[in-house]
Amino acid sequence: DGDGRSDGEEVLAGTDPLQAGTTAVAQISGPMSQVGAVGIGATLDGSGSSGSGALQYEWTLSAAPGRSAQLIGVPLGTAASVVFAPDSPGTYEIALVVTDD
């Protein structure tokens, strides 16, 4: 889509990593396309993100399958890395927003 990132990163991250009004860039690494089996946690790592100041992280579940009891929009964590364990088979979207001071 002309923004310099692969569309795969955007789809797997569940959000556009560049946020308007900030110089921070979110970079997610980890098993994004295959989080794992139901009930098994996988670490999602945003420590490759960059910015001009101290970074702040906000991980949020932005989509889950209909059978999931996971709540959309509820923060998953504010650290550079989080562990996510799906509770139902299906596709999940996890957003990472990184801001800097």
N, C-alpha and C. Protein backbone atom coordinates (compact mmCIF):
# COMPACT_ATOMS: atom_id res chain seq x y z
N ASP A 1 0.79 -1.19 0.00
CA ASP A 1 0.00 0.00 0.00
C ASP A 1 0.85 1.27 0.00
N GLY A 2 2.13 1.16 -0.32
CA GLY A 2 2.98 2.32 -0.52
C GLY A 2 3.55 2.94 0.74
N ASP A 3 3.42 2.28 1.90
CA ASP A 3 3.93 2.90 3.12
C ASP A 3 5.30 2.38 3.54
N GLY A 4 5.93 1.54 2.73
CA GLY A 4 7.27 1.07 3.02
C GLY A 4 7.36 -0.17 3.88
N ARG A 5 6.24 -0.69 4.34
CA ARG A 5 6.23 -1.91 5.14
C ARG A 5 5.50 -2.98 4.34
N SER A 6 5.83 -4.22 4.63
CA SER A 6 5.11 -5.28 3.93
C SER A 6 3.69 -5.35 4.46
N ASP A 7 2.75 -5.62 3.59
CA ASP A 7 1.36 -5.73 4.02
C ASP A 7 1.20 -6.86 5.02
N GLY A 8 2.05 -7.88 4.94
CA GLY A 8 1.97 -8.99 5.89
C GLY A 8 2.19 -8.54 7.31
N GLU A 9 3.12 -7.62 7.54
CA GLU A 9 3.35 -7.12 8.89
C GLU A 9 2.12 -6.41 9.42
N GLU A 10 1.47 -5.62 8.59
CA GLU A 10 0.30 -4.88 9.03
C GLU A 10 -0.85 -5.82 9.36
N VAL A 11 -1.10 -6.79 8.51
CA VAL A 11 -2.20 -7.72 8.73
C VAL A 11 -1.95 -8.54 9.98
N LEU A 12 -0.74 -9.05 10.14
CA LEU A 12 -0.44 -9.89 11.29
C LEU A 12 -0.42 -9.11 12.58
N ALA A 13 0.05 -7.87 12.52
CA ALA A 13 0.06 -7.05 13.73
C ALA A 13 -1.34 -6.59 14.09
N GLY A 14 -2.21 -6.52 13.12
CA GLY A 14 -3.58 -6.12 13.37
C GLY A 14 -3.76 -4.62 13.39
N THR A 15 -2.74 -3.86 13.07
CA THR A 15 -2.84 -2.41 13.07
C THR A 15 -1.74 -1.85 12.20
N ASP A 16 -1.88 -0.62 11.79
CA ASP A 16 -0.81 0.05 11.06
C ASP A 16 0.22 0.49 12.08
N PRO A 17 1.46 0.00 12.01
CA PRO A 17 2.45 0.31 13.04
C PRO A 17 2.81 1.78 13.16
N LEU A 18 2.63 2.59 12.13
CA LEU A 18 2.95 4.00 12.25
C LEU A 18 1.70 4.76 12.68
N GLN A 19 1.80 5.49 13.75
CA GLN A 19 0.68 6.25 14.27
C GLN A 19 0.91 7.73 13.97
N ALA A 20 -0.12 8.44 13.57
CA ALA A 20 0.01 9.86 13.27
C ALA A 20 0.43 10.63 14.52
N GLY A 21 1.31 11.60 14.34
CA GLY A 21 1.71 12.47 15.44
C GLY A 21 2.81 11.91 16.31
N THR A 22 3.46 10.86 15.91
CA THR A 22 4.55 10.30 16.70
C THR A 22 5.67 9.85 15.78
N THR A 23 6.87 9.81 16.32
CA THR A 23 8.00 9.34 15.53
C THR A 23 8.33 7.89 15.85
N ALA A 24 7.59 7.28 16.78
CA ALA A 24 7.85 5.90 17.15
C ALA A 24 7.35 4.96 16.06
N VAL A 25 8.09 3.88 15.85
CA VAL A 25 7.71 2.86 14.88
C VAL A 25 7.61 1.53 15.61
N ALA A 26 6.44 0.90 15.54
CA ALA A 26 6.23 -0.39 16.19
C ALA A 26 6.77 -1.50 15.29
N GLN A 27 7.52 -2.40 15.89
CA GLN A 27 8.05 -3.56 15.17
C GLN A 27 7.76 -4.79 16.01
N ILE A 28 6.94 -5.67 15.50
CA ILE A 28 6.57 -6.88 16.24
C ILE A 28 7.31 -8.07 15.67
N SER A 29 7.91 -8.86 16.56
CA SER A 29 8.48 -10.13 16.13
C SER A 29 7.85 -11.22 16.99
N GLY A 30 7.91 -12.41 16.50
CA GLY A 30 7.30 -13.52 17.22
C GLY A 30 6.49 -14.35 16.24
N PRO A 31 5.83 -15.37 16.74
CA PRO A 31 5.10 -16.29 15.88
C PRO A 31 3.76 -15.72 15.46
N MET A 32 3.78 -14.61 14.72
CA MET A 32 2.55 -13.89 14.42
C MET A 32 1.55 -14.70 13.59
N SER A 33 2.01 -15.49 12.66
CA SER A 33 1.06 -16.18 11.81
C SER A 33 0.56 -17.48 12.44
N GLN A 34 1.27 -17.97 13.43
CA GLN A 34 0.84 -19.20 14.10
C GLN A 34 1.12 -19.06 15.59
N VAL A 35 0.20 -18.41 16.29
CA VAL A 35 0.40 -18.18 17.72
C VAL A 35 0.54 -19.49 18.45
N GLY A 36 -0.22 -20.48 18.10
CA GLY A 36 -0.07 -21.78 18.75
C GLY A 36 -1.40 -22.41 19.07
N ALA A 37 -1.31 -23.46 19.82
CA ALA A 37 -2.50 -24.23 20.19
C ALA A 37 -3.31 -23.49 21.25
N VAL A 38 -4.57 -23.79 21.30
CA VAL A 38 -5.45 -23.21 22.31
C VAL A 38 -4.88 -23.45 23.70
N GLY A 39 -4.80 -22.39 24.49
CA GLY A 39 -4.29 -22.49 25.85
C GLY A 39 -2.78 -22.42 25.99
N ILE A 40 -2.05 -22.42 24.90
CA ILE A 40 -0.59 -22.36 24.94
C ILE A 40 -0.16 -20.94 24.62
N GLY A 41 0.59 -20.32 25.53
CA GLY A 41 1.01 -18.94 25.35
C GLY A 41 2.17 -18.80 24.37
N ALA A 42 2.15 -17.72 23.62
CA ALA A 42 3.24 -17.37 22.71
C ALA A 42 3.67 -15.94 23.02
N THR A 43 4.97 -15.71 23.03
CA THR A 43 5.48 -14.38 23.32
C THR A 43 5.50 -13.54 22.06
N LEU A 44 4.90 -12.37 22.13
CA LEU A 44 4.93 -11.38 21.06
C LEU A 44 5.89 -10.28 21.52
N ASP A 45 6.85 -9.95 20.70
CA ASP A 45 7.95 -9.08 21.11
C ASP A 45 7.95 -7.79 20.30
N GLY A 46 7.78 -6.67 20.97
CA GLY A 46 7.82 -5.36 20.33
C GLY A 46 9.09 -4.60 20.62
N SER A 47 10.11 -5.27 21.16
CA SER A 47 11.34 -4.59 21.58
C SER A 47 12.15 -4.05 20.41
N GLY A 48 11.84 -4.45 19.18
CA GLY A 48 12.52 -3.90 18.02
C GLY A 48 11.96 -2.56 17.57
N SER A 49 10.97 -2.06 18.30
CA SER A 49 10.37 -0.76 17.98
C SER A 49 11.38 0.34 18.23
N SER A 50 11.19 1.47 17.56
CA SER A 50 12.14 2.57 17.72
C SER A 50 11.42 3.90 17.81
N GLY A 51 12.10 4.86 18.39
CA GLY A 51 11.58 6.21 18.53
C GLY A 51 12.67 7.13 19.01
N SER A 52 12.34 8.40 19.18
CA SER A 52 13.35 9.37 19.57
C SER A 52 13.44 9.57 21.07
N GLY A 53 12.55 8.97 21.84
CA GLY A 53 12.58 9.09 23.30
C GLY A 53 12.28 7.76 23.94
N ALA A 54 11.92 7.82 25.23
CA ALA A 54 11.54 6.60 25.94
C ALA A 54 10.26 6.05 25.33
N LEU A 55 10.23 4.76 25.06
CA LEU A 55 9.07 4.15 24.40
C LEU A 55 8.05 3.65 25.40
N GLN A 56 6.79 3.81 25.04
CA GLN A 56 5.68 3.26 25.80
C GLN A 56 4.92 2.33 24.88
N TYR A 57 4.53 1.17 25.40
CA TYR A 57 3.89 0.13 24.60
C TYR A 57 2.46 -0.08 25.08
N GLU A 58 1.56 -0.35 24.14
CA GLU A 58 0.19 -0.71 24.48
C GLU A 58 -0.28 -1.80 23.52
N TRP A 59 -0.41 -3.00 24.06
CA TRP A 59 -0.89 -4.16 23.30
C TRP A 59 -2.38 -4.31 23.56
N THR A 60 -3.16 -4.53 22.49
CA THR A 60 -4.60 -4.66 22.63
C THR A 60 -5.10 -5.75 21.69
N LEU A 61 -6.05 -6.52 22.16
CA LEU A 61 -6.71 -7.49 21.30
C LEU A 61 -7.74 -6.72 20.47
N SER A 62 -7.60 -6.76 19.15
CA SER A 62 -8.51 -5.99 18.29
C SER A 62 -9.52 -6.86 17.55
N ALA A 63 -9.32 -8.16 17.51
CA ALA A 63 -10.30 -9.07 16.90
C ALA A 63 -10.05 -10.48 17.42
N ALA A 64 -11.13 -11.22 17.56
CA ALA A 64 -11.06 -12.61 18.03
C ALA A 64 -12.21 -13.38 17.40
N PRO A 65 -12.06 -14.71 17.30
CA PRO A 65 -13.15 -15.50 16.74
C PRO A 65 -14.39 -15.43 17.65
N GLY A 66 -15.54 -15.68 17.08
CA GLY A 66 -16.81 -15.57 17.81
C GLY A 66 -16.92 -16.45 19.03
N ARG A 67 -16.24 -17.58 19.03
CA ARG A 67 -16.31 -18.51 20.17
C ARG A 67 -15.40 -18.10 21.32
N SER A 68 -14.54 -17.12 21.10
CA SER A 68 -13.58 -16.73 22.12
C SER A 68 -14.23 -15.91 23.23
N ALA A 69 -13.77 -16.12 24.45
CA ALA A 69 -14.22 -15.33 25.58
C ALA A 69 -13.31 -14.11 25.80
N GLN A 70 -12.25 -13.99 24.98
CA GLN A 70 -11.35 -12.85 25.08
C GLN A 70 -12.13 -11.58 24.75
N LEU A 71 -11.90 -10.50 25.48
CA LEU A 71 -12.62 -9.25 25.27
C LEU A 71 -11.86 -8.33 24.33
N ILE A 72 -12.52 -7.90 23.27
CA ILE A 72 -11.94 -6.98 22.29
C ILE A 72 -11.70 -5.63 22.96
N GLY A 73 -10.55 -5.03 22.69
CA GLY A 73 -10.24 -3.70 23.21
C GLY A 73 -9.63 -3.69 24.60
N VAL A 74 -9.59 -4.82 25.26
CA VAL A 74 -9.00 -4.88 26.60
C VAL A 74 -7.48 -4.95 26.46
N PRO A 75 -6.75 -4.07 27.18
CA PRO A 75 -5.29 -4.09 27.07
C PRO A 75 -4.71 -5.45 27.48
N LEU A 76 -3.73 -5.90 26.70
CA LEU A 76 -3.03 -7.15 27.00
C LEU A 76 -1.75 -6.90 27.77
N GLY A 77 -1.26 -5.66 27.75
CA GLY A 77 -0.04 -5.35 28.47
C GLY A 77 0.57 -4.05 28.00
N THR A 78 1.53 -3.57 28.80
CA THR A 78 2.21 -2.32 28.49
C THR A 78 3.73 -2.49 28.49
N ALA A 79 4.19 -3.71 28.41
CA ALA A 79 5.62 -3.99 28.34
C ALA A 79 6.01 -4.19 26.87
N ALA A 80 7.30 -4.25 26.61
CA ALA A 80 7.79 -4.45 25.24
C ALA A 80 7.36 -5.81 24.70
N SER A 81 7.19 -6.79 25.56
CA SER A 81 6.77 -8.13 25.15
C SER A 81 5.56 -8.56 25.98
N VAL A 82 4.68 -9.32 25.35
CA VAL A 82 3.54 -9.89 26.05
C VAL A 82 3.40 -11.36 25.66
N VAL A 83 2.72 -12.11 26.50
CA VAL A 83 2.40 -13.50 26.20
C VAL A 83 0.91 -13.56 25.93
N PHE A 84 0.54 -14.16 24.80
CA PHE A 84 -0.86 -14.30 24.45
C PHE A 84 -1.18 -15.77 24.24
N ALA A 85 -2.26 -16.22 24.87
CA ALA A 85 -2.72 -17.61 24.71
C ALA A 85 -4.15 -17.59 24.19
N PRO A 86 -4.38 -18.07 22.99
CA PRO A 86 -5.74 -18.12 22.46
C PRO A 86 -6.60 -19.09 23.27
N ASP A 87 -7.86 -18.74 23.44
CA ASP A 87 -8.76 -19.62 24.20
C ASP A 87 -9.72 -20.40 23.31
N SER A 88 -9.63 -20.17 22.00
CA SER A 88 -10.52 -20.82 21.05
C SER A 88 -9.81 -20.87 19.71
N PRO A 89 -10.05 -21.88 18.89
CA PRO A 89 -9.44 -21.90 17.56
C PRO A 89 -9.94 -20.72 16.72
N GLY A 90 -9.10 -20.21 15.86
CA GLY A 90 -9.51 -19.14 14.96
C GLY A 90 -8.44 -18.09 14.80
N THR A 91 -8.81 -16.97 14.19
CA THR A 91 -7.88 -15.89 13.91
C THR A 91 -8.06 -14.77 14.93
N TYR A 92 -6.93 -14.33 15.47
CA TYR A 92 -6.90 -13.22 16.42
C TYR A 92 -6.08 -12.10 15.82
N GLU A 93 -6.45 -10.85 16.11
CA GLU A 93 -5.65 -9.70 15.71
C GLU A 93 -5.23 -8.97 16.97
N ILE A 94 -3.93 -8.72 17.07
CA ILE A 94 -3.38 -8.03 18.23
C ILE A 94 -2.69 -6.77 17.74
N ALA A 95 -3.07 -5.65 18.34
CA ALA A 95 -2.50 -4.37 17.95
C ALA A 95 -1.42 -3.95 18.93
N LEU A 96 -0.36 -3.38 18.41
CA LEU A 96 0.68 -2.77 19.24
C LEU A 96 0.80 -1.32 18.82
N VAL A 97 0.60 -0.42 19.79
CA VAL A 97 0.82 1.00 19.57
C VAL A 97 2.02 1.40 20.41
N VAL A 98 3.02 1.99 19.76
CA VAL A 98 4.22 2.44 20.46
C VAL A 98 4.27 3.96 20.36
N THR A 99 4.45 4.60 21.49
CA THR A 99 4.61 6.06 21.51
C THR A 99 5.92 6.39 22.20
N ASP A 100 6.44 7.56 21.92
CA ASP A 100 7.66 8.00 22.59
C ASP A 100 7.44 9.37 23.23
N ASP A 101 8.29 9.67 24.21
CA ASP A 101 8.16 10.95 24.93
C ASP A 101 8.55 12.13 24.07
